[in-house]
Amino acid sequence: MNLYSNKQKWKIALLVIALLLVGVSLFVSNSIVKGVSERERERARQWADAIKKKIELVQLTNGAFTQMRALERKKMEVWLDATKELSKETPLDIVPDYTLPLKIINENKDIPVIVLDAEKSISAYNNLDFDTSAIRTIHPTASKQEIKKFFEDSLVKLSDHWKAKNQSFTVEVYTDLFMTYAYNDSKGIVKLEKERDALINAFNQELIDNQGLIPVLLIDSATNQVVGSNLPVDKISLKMLKKTRTALELVHHPILIDFQNGQKSLLYYDDSPELKQLKYFPYIQFSIIGLFVLIGYIIFSTFRKAEQNQVWAGMAKETAHQLGTPLSSLMAWIQLLESQDADPMITAEMMKDVVRLDKVTDRFSKIGSVPKLEPQNLTQTVINVTEYLRPRISDKVTITVDSNEDFITNHNGPLIEWVIENICKNAVDAMGGKGKLNIRMHSSPEWVHIDIKDNGKGIPPKKIKTIFEPGYSTKKRGWGLGLTLVKRIVKEYHKGKVFVLESQVDVGTTFRISLPL
């Protein structure tokens, strides 16, 4: 009993230690995850600040470009005035001074201008960055007239594009002669815009390519438009945007970002892949460790069971061998007493005990080897063991066998008798030497059941699962091997089952032995 109790205590202690280690590990890992999560949250805020700087830059440059375009339009107005001055009719007796108009016209070195008449034919052009040589490269076999036609068509299309971007000027050069002046941004503005766009694109690409940045999505709270994101394009499309926002909101509550310019945005963000892995790493780690522990336990349990089998077999064979020698000697002594006309009753009783010892020896020899199972009358086997027990237990214990039919099963008679004897003796001890012991036999489609019921002190519920373990005993001098042998004989040798069917403290216990039909 103490052996098994200590074993249980060790199991509980080890389980508590394991749970403590798991708890400490989870606490530490969760603390790390929380710290990493806070840092990622701060990085998301920094990303939002970077977006804010980008927006400020765009707004600033757009304002600057608007002012520059307004100045260039004024320059164009002055340039047109100068052009009109040159086209103005003057009396023959007056020599006009064209110095200033010519100076204004010649100072235009960077604003591209295309002049078209009312028929949309090209009258003049200035400050273009291509000429007919570019057309010649595209059409190397074309004639001069064809090249000129291609070039003028290109200028007409280009002027239409410029008109859509900057409002053109229509001027009456001579009476009823109107000319349209289309112009584009100066080369300086175009160059600055390209540099700005390159910087913004580089900024955007840096955000997208930044592997350390967590998935983020910045939404204008007023218009629900995407301000910035490093998510894949398909995730922030009009079709998927709502679904993406909902998914991110389930992970983290969005952060409200106030840009202090009347614009407020919502920052949605997700955990980085590394953080997600870190969250699940302890559980994966414990699962792997648990799997290794389980495999190790199964292997060592198999080895231990094999060792136990060898110990059982060796102990049983040795016991049978040790009993064999004194049995032979006792048989000789009984024959000697009979030859010397000893009291027949004495020799008869001695012979019964010798036969009993021989039976015990036979049982141990069968434990040490694979027993032979034969189809026999199980009912008769039960009756035989109860008849043997009646005169050898207290006369205050009543044994009854309840069976209305013979059950033929494959079993080993001596071993099954030993099983029933062990359980019955334990029942007599539990009843304190007085009470009722009922053995009931009945069958189901695949099994024959032997229910052994006593009205003893019963078994506490927490002990029911441990009574078949080696070392369990309620006796001070017991080894705790009786029920272990019972389980071994029934389960391993007969492929049956033995268990406590029911038990109540101070009411009694019912054991059930089930053997296959």
Protein backbone atom coordinates (compact mmCIF):
# COMPACT_ATOMS: atom_id res chain seq x y z
CA MET A 1 0.00 0.00 0.00
CA ASN A 2 2.82 2.42 0.92
CA LEU A 3 4.71 1.55 -2.25
CA TYR A 4 1.78 2.50 -4.47
CA SER A 5 0.91 5.56 -2.38
CA ASN A 6 4.47 6.85 -2.70
CA LYS A 7 4.36 6.21 -6.43
CA GLN A 8 1.15 8.22 -6.71
CA LYS A 9 2.62 11.04 -4.64
CA TRP A 10 5.66 11.17 -6.93
CA LYS A 11 3.40 11.31 -9.98
CA ILE A 12 1.39 14.16 -8.50
CA ALA A 13 4.57 16.02 -7.49
CA LEU A 14 6.09 15.65 -10.96
CA LEU A 15 2.83 16.76 -12.57
CA VAL A 16 2.69 19.86 -10.35
CA ILE A 17 6.33 20.69 -11.19
CA ALA A 18 5.63 20.22 -14.91
CA LEU A 19 2.58 22.50 -14.71
CA LEU A 20 4.63 25.12 -12.84
CA LEU A 21 7.35 24.98 -15.50
CA VAL A 22 4.75 25.29 -18.24
CA GLY A 23 3.11 28.21 -16.43
CA VAL A 24 6.42 30.03 -15.93
CA SER A 25 7.40 29.43 -19.55
CA LEU A 26 4.05 30.73 -20.83
CA PHE A 27 4.30 33.77 -18.54
CA VAL A 28 7.79 34.61 -19.80
CA SER A 29 6.87 34.04 -23.45
CA ASN A 30 3.68 36.10 -23.09
CA SER A 31 5.71 38.91 -21.51
CA ILE A 32 8.10 38.82 -24.46
CA VAL A 33 5.18 38.77 -26.90
CA LYS A 34 3.59 41.73 -25.11
CA GLY A 35 6.83 43.71 -25.29
CA VAL A 36 7.30 42.95 -28.98
CA SER A 37 3.66 43.83 -29.62
CA GLU A 38 4.09 47.22 -27.92
CA ARG A 39 7.18 47.92 -30.03
CA GLU A 40 5.31 46.99 -33.19
CA ARG A 41 2.47 49.28 -32.16
CA GLU A 42 4.97 52.11 -31.75
CA ARG A 43 6.46 51.31 -35.16
CA ALA A 44 2.97 51.53 -36.64
CA ARG A 45 2.58 55.00 -35.10
CA GLN A 46 5.97 56.00 -36.53
CA TRP A 47 4.85 54.76 -39.93
CA ALA A 48 1.71 56.91 -39.61
CA ASP A 49 3.93 59.88 -38.76
CA ALA A 50 5.98 59.16 -41.88
CA ILE A 51 2.76 59.14 -43.93
CA LYS A 52 1.89 62.46 -42.31
CA LYS A 53 5.23 63.89 -43.43
CA LYS A 54 4.59 62.56 -46.91
CA ILE A 55 1.17 64.23 -47.03
CA GLU A 56 2.68 67.49 -45.79
CA LEU A 57 5.36 67.24 -48.47
CA VAL A 58 2.78 66.62 -51.19
CA GLN A 59 0.61 69.48 -49.97
CA LEU A 60 3.61 71.81 -49.78
CA THR A 61 4.92 70.92 -53.22
CA ASN A 62 1.45 71.07 -54.77
CA GLY A 63 1.03 74.55 -53.35
CA ALA A 64 4.44 75.57 -54.67
CA PHE A 65 3.68 74.15 -58.10
CA THR A 66 0.35 75.98 -58.16
CA GLN A 67 2.13 79.26 -57.46
CA MET A 68 4.78 78.53 -60.06
CA ARG A 69 2.14 77.73 -62.68
CA ALA A 70 0.32 80.99 -61.85
CA LEU A 71 3.56 82.92 -62.37
CA GLU A 72 4.21 81.12 -65.64
CA ARG A 73 0.71 81.96 -66.85
CA LYS A 74 1.38 85.62 -66.13
CA LYS A 75 4.64 85.31 -68.06
CA MET A 76 2.67 83.80 -70.93
CA GLU A 77 0.23 86.71 -70.79
CA VAL A 78 3.12 89.17 -70.98
CA TRP A 79 4.67 87.13 -73.80
CA LEU A 80 1.37 87.24 -75.71
CA ASP A 81 1.10 90.98 -75.18
CA ALA A 82 4.55 91.34 -76.66
CA THR A 83 3.58 89.14 -79.57
CA LYS A 84 0.47 91.20 -80.20
CA GLU A 85 2.55 94.34 -80.05
CA LEU A 86 4.72 93.03 -82.86
CA SER A 87 1.61 92.15 -84.87
CA LYS A 88 -0.06 95.54 -84.39
CA GLU A 89 -0.55 97.65 -87.53
CA THR A 90 1.24 101.06 -87.39
CA PRO A 91 1.14 104.12 -89.69
CA LEU A 92 3.84 104.25 -92.36
CA ASP A 93 5.21 107.53 -91.10
CA ILE A 94 5.89 106.14 -87.64
CA VAL A 95 8.80 103.78 -86.90
CA PRO A 96 7.73 101.58 -83.95
CA ASP A 97 10.19 100.54 -81.25
CA TYR A 98 10.07 96.70 -80.91
CA THR A 99 13.00 96.42 -78.53
CA LEU A 100 10.96 95.57 -75.45
CA PRO A 101 8.52 93.14 -77.12
CA LEU A 102 11.39 91.35 -78.81
CA LYS A 103 13.27 91.18 -75.54
CA ILE A 104 10.22 89.66 -73.81
CA ILE A 105 9.69 87.16 -76.60
CA ASN A 106 13.35 86.15 -76.69
CA GLU A 107 13.50 85.71 -72.92
CA ASN A 108 11.10 82.77 -73.15
CA LYS A 109 13.63 79.97 -73.20
CA ASP A 110 11.81 77.30 -71.15
CA ILE A 111 8.01 77.48 -71.64
CA PRO A 112 7.01 75.27 -74.60
CA VAL A 113 4.48 76.99 -76.91
CA ILE A 114 2.55 75.76 -79.95
CA VAL A 115 0.64 78.26 -82.10
CA LEU A 116 -2.34 77.05 -84.14
CA ASP A 117 -4.63 78.92 -86.55
CA ALA A 118 -8.39 78.62 -86.74
CA GLU A 119 -8.01 75.50 -88.92
CA LYS A 120 -5.81 73.85 -86.27
CA SER A 121 -2.81 74.08 -88.53
CA ILE A 122 0.59 74.66 -86.96
CA SER A 123 1.72 78.26 -87.38
CA ALA A 124 4.68 78.27 -85.03
CA TYR A 125 6.23 76.50 -82.07
CA ASN A 126 8.91 77.24 -79.54
CA ASN A 127 11.01 75.49 -76.86
CA LEU A 128 10.08 71.94 -77.88
CA ASP A 129 12.39 69.12 -76.82
CA PHE A 130 12.00 67.21 -80.11
CA ASP A 131 12.01 67.99 -83.84
CA THR A 132 11.60 66.25 -87.19
CA SER A 133 14.72 64.15 -86.56
CA ALA A 134 12.79 62.21 -83.91
CA ILE A 135 10.08 61.50 -86.52
CA ARG A 136 12.76 60.42 -89.00
CA THR A 137 13.98 57.84 -86.50
CA ILE A 138 10.50 56.33 -86.28
CA HIS A 139 9.81 56.50 -90.04
CA PRO A 140 13.22 56.17 -91.72
CA THR A 141 11.80 55.58 -95.25
CA ALA A 142 9.27 58.44 -95.26
CA SER A 143 9.63 61.47 -97.56
CA LYS A 144 10.19 65.06 -96.40
CA GLN A 145 6.54 65.92 -96.92
CA GLU A 146 5.45 62.83 -94.98
CA ILE A 147 7.88 63.63 -92.17
CA LYS A 148 6.55 67.18 -91.99
CA LYS A 149 2.96 65.89 -91.94
CA PHE A 150 3.76 63.39 -89.16
CA PHE A 151 5.52 66.13 -87.15
CA GLU A 152 2.63 68.59 -87.46
CA ASP A 153 0.08 65.91 -86.51
CA SER A 154 2.15 65.17 -83.42
CA LEU A 155 2.16 68.85 -82.49
CA VAL A 156 -1.62 69.07 -82.88
CA LYS A 157 -2.11 66.10 -80.57
CA LEU A 158 0.43 67.55 -78.12
CA SER A 159 -1.37 70.89 -78.12
CA ASP A 160 -4.66 69.16 -77.30
CA HIS A 161 -2.97 67.49 -74.36
CA TRP A 162 -1.57 70.83 -73.18
CA LYS A 163 -4.98 72.50 -73.48
CA ALA A 164 -6.44 69.90 -71.13
CA LYS A 165 -3.74 70.71 -68.61
CA ASN A 166 -3.35 74.48 -68.96
CA GLN A 167 -5.97 76.81 -70.37
CA SER A 168 -4.85 78.07 -73.79
CA PHE A 169 -4.97 81.63 -75.13
CA THR A 170 -6.87 82.66 -78.26
CA VAL A 171 -5.69 85.99 -79.66
CA GLU A 172 -6.89 88.08 -82.63
CA VAL A 173 -3.59 88.77 -84.33
CA TYR A 174 -5.04 90.63 -87.31
CA THR A 175 -8.55 91.59 -88.17
CA ASP A 176 -10.57 88.35 -88.17
CA LEU A 177 -7.39 86.33 -87.83
CA PHE A 178 -7.35 84.39 -84.60
CA MET A 179 -4.46 82.30 -83.32
CA THR A 180 -4.50 79.81 -80.42
CA TYR A 181 -1.50 79.59 -78.15
CA ALA A 182 -1.18 76.27 -76.26
CA TYR A 183 1.58 75.98 -73.69
CA ASN A 184 2.90 73.45 -71.21
CA ASP A 185 4.70 73.69 -67.87
CA SER A 186 8.22 74.97 -68.16
CA LYS A 187 11.10 72.56 -68.21
CA GLY A 188 12.00 73.63 -64.70
CA ILE A 189 8.57 72.69 -63.31
CA VAL A 190 8.56 69.39 -65.20
CA LYS A 191 11.99 68.54 -63.81
CA LEU A 192 10.96 69.44 -60.25
CA GLU A 193 7.76 67.38 -60.56
CA LYS A 194 9.75 64.36 -61.73
CA GLU A 195 12.14 64.72 -58.80
CA ARG A 196 9.22 65.05 -56.38
CA ASP A 197 7.48 62.00 -57.84
CA ALA A 198 10.73 60.05 -57.69
CA LEU A 199 11.14 60.93 -54.00
CA ILE A 200 7.56 59.97 -53.19
CA ASN A 201 7.84 56.72 -55.14
CA ALA A 202 11.11 55.93 -53.39
CA PHE A 203 9.40 56.66 -50.07
CA ASN A 204 6.48 54.38 -50.95
CA GLN A 205 8.76 51.64 -52.21
CA GLU A 206 10.87 51.84 -49.08
CA LEU A 207 7.74 51.35 -46.97
CA ILE A 208 6.64 48.40 -49.09
CA ASP A 209 10.07 46.78 -49.23
CA ASN A 210 10.71 47.27 -45.51
CA GLN A 211 10.54 43.67 -44.26
CA GLY A 212 10.62 44.81 -40.65
CA LEU A 213 7.43 46.87 -40.98
CA ILE A 214 4.25 45.23 -39.79
CA PRO A 215 1.18 45.12 -42.11
CA VAL A 216 -0.50 48.54 -41.84
CA LEU A 217 -3.44 50.34 -43.43
CA LEU A 218 -4.18 54.05 -42.97
CA ILE A 219 -7.75 55.14 -43.82
CA ASP A 220 -9.10 58.68 -43.98
CA SER A 221 -11.87 58.68 -41.35
CA ALA A 222 -13.96 61.21 -43.31
CA THR A 223 -13.77 59.78 -46.85
CA ASN A 224 -12.83 56.15 -46.08
CA GLN A 225 -10.10 56.44 -48.70
CA VAL A 226 -6.75 54.66 -48.36
CA VAL A 227 -4.10 57.17 -47.29
CA GLY A 228 -1.26 54.68 -47.18
CA SER A 229 -0.60 50.96 -46.83
CA ASN A 230 2.05 48.31 -47.36
CA LEU A 231 -0.54 45.58 -47.93
CA PRO A 232 -0.84 43.83 -51.33
CA VAL A 233 -2.86 45.78 -53.88
CA ASP A 234 -5.61 43.18 -54.06
CA LYS A 235 -6.15 43.50 -50.30
CA ILE A 236 -6.91 47.23 -50.49
CA SER A 237 -8.97 47.19 -53.67
CA LEU A 238 -12.50 48.59 -53.54
CA LYS A 239 -13.88 45.05 -53.51
CA MET A 240 -11.70 43.76 -50.65
CA LEU A 241 -11.08 46.91 -48.57
CA LYS A 242 -14.03 46.43 -46.22
CA LYS A 243 -13.15 42.80 -45.59
CA THR A 244 -9.51 43.70 -44.96
CA ARG A 245 -10.48 46.42 -42.46
CA THR A 246 -12.77 44.00 -40.60
CA ALA A 247 -10.05 41.36 -40.42
CA LEU A 248 -7.46 43.84 -39.10
CA GLU A 249 -9.93 45.27 -36.58
CA LEU A 250 -10.39 41.80 -35.10
CA VAL A 251 -6.63 41.64 -34.43
CA HIS A 252 -6.12 45.15 -33.03
CA HIS A 253 -8.45 48.07 -32.38
CA PRO A 254 -7.56 50.82 -34.90
CA ILE A 255 -5.57 53.82 -33.69
CA LEU A 256 -6.95 57.32 -34.35
CA ILE A 257 -4.27 59.54 -35.91
CA ASP A 258 -4.88 63.31 -35.82
CA PHE A 259 -2.73 65.15 -38.39
CA GLN A 260 -3.54 68.52 -36.74
CA ASN A 261 -4.74 69.97 -40.04
CA GLY A 262 -8.38 69.00 -39.83
CA GLN A 263 -7.62 65.55 -41.19
CA LYS A 264 -8.07 62.46 -39.00
CA SER A 265 -7.26 58.93 -40.03
CA LEU A 266 -7.65 55.43 -38.64
CA LEU A 267 -4.57 53.23 -38.47
CA TYR A 268 -5.26 49.50 -38.84
CA TYR A 269 -2.37 47.13 -38.26
CA ASP A 270 -1.67 43.44 -37.91
CA ASP A 271 0.93 41.45 -36.00
CA SER A 272 4.10 40.69 -37.89
CA PRO A 273 4.65 37.08 -39.03
CA GLU A 274 7.47 36.77 -36.49
CA LEU A 275 5.19 37.85 -33.63
CA LYS A 276 2.52 35.37 -34.71
CA GLN A 277 5.10 32.61 -34.73
CA LEU A 278 6.36 33.73 -31.33
CA LYS A 279 2.83 33.54 -29.88
CA TYR A 280 2.40 29.92 -30.92
CA PHE A 281 6.01 28.85 -30.37
CA PRO A 282 5.60 27.81 -26.68
CA TYR A 283 2.60 25.63 -27.54
CA ILE A 284 4.45 24.05 -30.46
CA GLN A 285 7.46 23.55 -28.23
CA PHE A 286 5.41 21.91 -25.48
CA SER A 287 3.65 19.72 -28.04
CA ILE A 288 6.96 18.48 -29.43
CA ILE A 289 8.37 17.92 -25.95
CA GLY A 290 5.15 16.18 -24.92
CA LEU A 291 5.35 13.96 -28.01
CA PHE A 292 8.92 12.97 -27.18
CA VAL A 293 7.96 12.33 -23.55
CA LEU A 294 4.99 10.22 -24.67
CA ILE A 295 7.13 8.19 -27.08
CA GLY A 296 9.77 7.77 -24.38
CA TYR A 297 7.13 6.73 -21.86
CA ILE A 298 5.67 4.16 -24.26
CA ILE A 299 9.12 2.73 -25.01
CA PHE A 300 10.19 2.54 -21.37
CA SER A 301 6.77 1.23 -20.36
CA THR A 302 7.14 -1.53 -22.94
CA PHE A 303 10.59 -2.38 -21.63
CA ARG A 304 9.33 -2.31 -18.06
CA LYS A 305 6.41 -4.55 -18.94
CA ALA A 306 8.75 -7.00 -20.65
CA GLU A 307 10.98 -7.00 -17.57
CA GLN A 308 7.95 -7.54 -15.34
CA ASN A 309 6.90 -10.47 -17.50
CA GLN A 310 10.34 -11.97 -17.14
CA VAL A 311 10.24 -11.40 -13.37
CA TRP A 312 6.77 -12.95 -13.10
CA ALA A 313 7.80 -15.95 -15.18
CA GLY A 314 11.08 -16.41 -13.31
CA MET A 315 9.46 -16.05 -9.89
CA ALA A 316 6.65 -18.45 -10.78
CA LYS A 317 8.99 -21.10 -12.18
CA GLU A 318 11.30 -20.79 -9.21
CA THR A 319 8.35 -21.09 -6.79
CA ALA A 320 7.06 -24.17 -8.60
CA HIS A 321 10.55 -25.67 -8.56
CA GLN A 322 11.04 -24.96 -4.84
CA LEU A 323 7.65 -26.50 -3.97
CA GLY A 324 8.32 -29.59 -6.07
CA THR A 325 11.09 -31.02 -3.86
CA PRO A 326 9.24 -30.93 -0.47
CA LEU A 327 6.09 -32.23 -2.19
CA SER A 328 7.91 -35.34 -3.35
CA SER A 329 9.28 -35.78 0.15
CA LEU A 330 5.84 -35.36 1.73
CA MET A 331 4.36 -37.92 -0.64
CA ALA A 332 7.02 -40.41 0.49
CA TRP A 333 6.36 -39.68 4.15
CA ILE A 334 2.62 -40.23 3.67
CA GLN A 335 3.29 -43.59 2.00
CA LEU A 336 5.57 -44.52 4.90
CA LEU A 337 2.88 -43.62 7.43
CA GLU A 338 0.32 -45.66 5.53
CA SER A 339 2.67 -48.69 5.51
CA GLN A 340 3.06 -48.40 9.28
CA ASP A 341 -0.74 -48.55 9.87
CA ALA A 342 -1.05 -44.87 10.90
CA ASP A 343 -4.48 -43.34 11.52
CA PRO A 344 -6.18 -43.27 8.07
CA MET A 345 -7.87 -39.94 8.85
CA ILE A 346 -4.48 -38.32 9.44
CA THR A 347 -2.97 -39.64 6.23
CA ALA A 348 -6.15 -38.70 4.29
CA GLU A 349 -6.02 -35.09 5.52
CA MET A 350 -2.31 -34.90 4.83
CA MET A 351 -2.96 -36.19 1.32
CA LYS A 352 -5.58 -33.43 0.77
CA ASP A 353 -3.01 -30.81 1.74
CA VAL A 354 -0.41 -32.40 -0.52
CA VAL A 355 -2.89 -32.38 -3.39
CA ARG A 356 -3.60 -28.74 -2.59
CA LEU A 357 0.10 -27.91 -2.64
CA ASP A 358 0.46 -29.77 -5.89
CA LYS A 359 -2.34 -27.65 -7.31
CA VAL A 360 -0.63 -24.47 -6.15
CA THR A 361 2.60 -25.69 -7.75
CA ASP A 362 0.72 -26.35 -10.97
CA ARG A 363 -0.69 -22.82 -10.87
CA PHE A 364 2.73 -21.28 -10.50
CA SER A 365 4.13 -23.41 -13.28
CA LYS A 366 1.35 -22.17 -15.56
CA ILE A 367 2.08 -18.54 -14.61
CA GLY A 368 5.67 -19.10 -15.67
CA SER A 369 4.66 -20.29 -19.15
CA VAL A 370 1.83 -19.78 -21.61
CA PRO A 371 -1.13 -21.72 -20.17
CA LYS A 372 -3.19 -24.03 -22.33
CA LEU A 373 -6.83 -22.99 -22.70
CA GLU A 374 -9.40 -25.69 -23.29
CA PRO A 375 -13.20 -25.58 -23.78
CA GLN A 376 -14.53 -26.42 -20.33
CA ASN A 377 -17.60 -25.91 -18.20
CA LEU A 378 -16.95 -22.59 -16.46
CA THR A 379 -19.89 -23.15 -14.12
CA GLN A 380 -18.28 -26.34 -12.84
CA THR A 381 -14.98 -24.54 -12.34
CA VAL A 382 -16.72 -21.94 -10.15
CA ILE A 383 -18.55 -24.65 -8.19
CA ASN A 384 -15.28 -26.55 -7.61
CA VAL A 385 -13.52 -23.54 -6.12
CA THR A 386 -16.47 -22.60 -3.88
CA GLU A 387 -16.68 -26.17 -2.57
CA TYR A 388 -13.00 -26.01 -1.77
CA LEU A 389 -13.37 -22.66 0.00
CA ARG A 390 -16.42 -23.45 2.18
CA PRO A 391 -14.64 -25.58 4.78
CA ARG A 392 -11.56 -23.31 4.74
CA ILE A 393 -13.17 -19.98 5.56
CA SER A 394 -15.21 -18.74 8.47
CA ASP A 395 -18.45 -20.63 9.00
CA LYS A 396 -20.08 -17.21 9.49
CA VAL A 397 -19.67 -16.49 5.79
CA THR A 398 -22.36 -17.83 3.49
CA ILE A 399 -21.30 -18.57 -0.10
CA THR A 400 -23.96 -18.97 -2.79
CA VAL A 401 -23.58 -19.66 -6.51
CA ASP A 402 -26.36 -18.35 -8.76
CA SER A 403 -26.25 -20.02 -12.19
CA ASN A 404 -29.04 -21.70 -14.14
CA GLU A 405 -26.95 -23.03 -17.02
CA ASP A 406 -23.56 -24.38 -17.98
CA PHE A 407 -21.23 -21.94 -19.76
CA ILE A 408 -18.62 -23.55 -21.98
CA THR A 409 -15.60 -21.28 -22.50
CA ASN A 410 -11.94 -21.68 -23.37
CA HIS A 411 -10.16 -21.33 -20.06
CA ASN A 412 -7.57 -22.85 -17.81
CA GLY A 413 -9.39 -24.36 -14.82
CA PRO A 414 -6.66 -24.10 -12.15
CA LEU A 415 -5.89 -20.48 -13.03
CA ILE A 416 -9.53 -19.36 -13.07
CA GLU A 417 -10.01 -21.14 -9.74
CA TRP A 418 -7.06 -19.16 -8.44
CA VAL A 419 -8.64 -15.91 -9.66
CA ILE A 420 -11.98 -16.63 -7.97
CA GLU A 421 -10.24 -17.83 -4.81
CA ASN A 422 -8.19 -14.65 -4.56
CA ILE A 423 -11.23 -12.38 -4.97
CA CYS A 424 -13.32 -14.45 -2.54
CA LYS A 425 -10.61 -14.41 0.13
CA ASN A 426 -10.29 -10.63 -0.21
CA ALA A 427 -14.08 -10.39 0.13
CA VAL A 428 -14.04 -12.52 3.31
CA ASP A 429 -11.33 -10.23 4.75
CA ALA A 430 -13.39 -7.14 3.79
CA MET A 431 -16.43 -8.61 5.62
CA GLY A 432 -14.38 -9.32 8.75
CA GLY A 433 -15.09 -13.06 8.61
CA LYS A 434 -18.88 -12.82 8.55
CA GLY A 435 -21.43 -11.95 5.91
CA LYS A 436 -22.79 -13.08 2.56
CA LEU A 437 -20.79 -13.83 -0.57
CA ASN A 438 -22.83 -14.30 -3.74
CA ILE A 439 -21.40 -15.49 -7.06
CA ARG A 440 -23.72 -14.88 -10.00
CA MET A 441 -23.05 -16.13 -13.54
CA HIS A 442 -24.79 -14.76 -16.63
CA SER A 443 -23.96 -14.07 -20.26
CA SER A 444 -24.20 -11.47 -23.01
CA PRO A 445 -23.83 -12.12 -26.75
CA GLU A 446 -20.02 -12.24 -26.60
CA TRP A 447 -19.16 -12.66 -22.92
CA VAL A 448 -19.85 -14.74 -19.88
CA HIS A 449 -19.80 -12.73 -16.66
CA ILE A 450 -18.96 -13.84 -13.11
CA ASP A 451 -20.15 -11.28 -10.54
CA ILE A 452 -18.72 -11.77 -7.04
CA LYS A 453 -20.64 -9.64 -4.53
CA ASP A 454 -19.92 -9.18 -0.81
CA ASN A 455 -21.43 -7.00 1.91
CA GLY A 456 -18.14 -5.89 3.39
CA LYS A 457 -16.68 -2.46 4.06
CA GLY A 458 -16.43 -1.49 0.38
CA ILE A 459 -13.71 0.36 -1.52
CA PRO A 460 -13.35 4.17 -1.46
CA PRO A 461 -13.99 5.64 -4.95
CA LYS A 462 -10.50 7.11 -5.23
CA LYS A 463 -8.95 3.67 -4.60
CA ILE A 464 -10.97 1.69 -7.15
CA LYS A 465 -8.56 2.37 -10.03
CA THR A 466 -5.51 1.45 -7.98
CA ILE A 467 -6.45 -1.90 -6.43
CA PHE A 468 -5.05 -3.91 -9.36
CA GLU A 469 -1.67 -2.17 -9.25
CA PRO A 470 1.37 -4.00 -7.77
CA GLY A 471 1.99 -3.00 -4.17
CA TYR A 472 -1.62 -2.14 -3.32
CA SER A 473 -2.76 -3.89 -0.15
CA THR A 474 -4.95 -3.12 2.84
CA LYS A 475 -3.08 -5.64 4.95
CA LYS A 476 -0.06 -4.68 6.99
CA ARG A 477 1.80 -7.82 5.97
CA GLY A 478 0.43 -8.12 2.43
CA TRP A 479 2.57 -7.85 -0.68
CA GLY A 480 -0.22 -6.42 -2.80
CA LEU A 481 0.22 -9.03 -5.57
CA GLY A 482 -3.08 -10.95 -5.30
CA LEU A 483 -5.27 -8.75 -7.48
CA THR A 484 -2.31 -8.04 -9.78
CA LEU A 485 -2.10 -11.79 -10.47
CA VAL A 486 -5.88 -11.86 -10.95
CA LYS A 487 -5.69 -9.12 -13.60
CA ARG A 488 -2.73 -10.79 -15.33
CA ILE A 489 -4.46 -14.19 -15.52
CA VAL A 490 -7.79 -12.80 -16.77
CA LYS A 491 -6.56 -10.07 -19.13
CA GLU A 492 -3.34 -11.44 -20.60
CA TYR A 493 -3.90 -15.19 -20.52
CA HIS A 494 -7.66 -15.37 -21.12
CA LYS A 495 -8.14 -12.09 -23.07
CA GLY A 496 -10.90 -11.16 -20.65
CA LYS A 497 -11.71 -8.30 -18.28
CA VAL A 498 -11.79 -7.94 -14.52
CA PHE A 499 -12.95 -4.78 -12.77
CA VAL A 500 -14.98 -3.37 -9.89
CA LEU A 501 -18.57 -3.30 -11.13
CA GLU A 502 -19.82 -1.30 -8.14
CA SER A 503 -18.71 -0.49 -4.61
CA GLN A 504 -20.11 1.53 -1.73
CA VAL A 505 -18.37 2.18 1.53
CA ASP A 506 -19.90 0.09 4.38
CA VAL A 507 -22.33 -1.51 1.88
CA GLY A 508 -20.25 -3.89 -0.20
CA THR A 509 -18.36 -4.49 -3.43
CA THR A 510 -19.08 -6.38 -6.65
CA PHE A 511 -16.22 -7.62 -8.82
CA ARG A 512 -16.94 -8.71 -12.38
CA ILE A 513 -14.89 -11.23 -14.34
CA SER A 514 -15.76 -11.36 -18.06
CA LEU A 515 -14.45 -14.12 -20.29
CA PRO A 516 -15.11 -14.37 -24.03
CA LEU A 517 -17.63 -17.02 -25.02
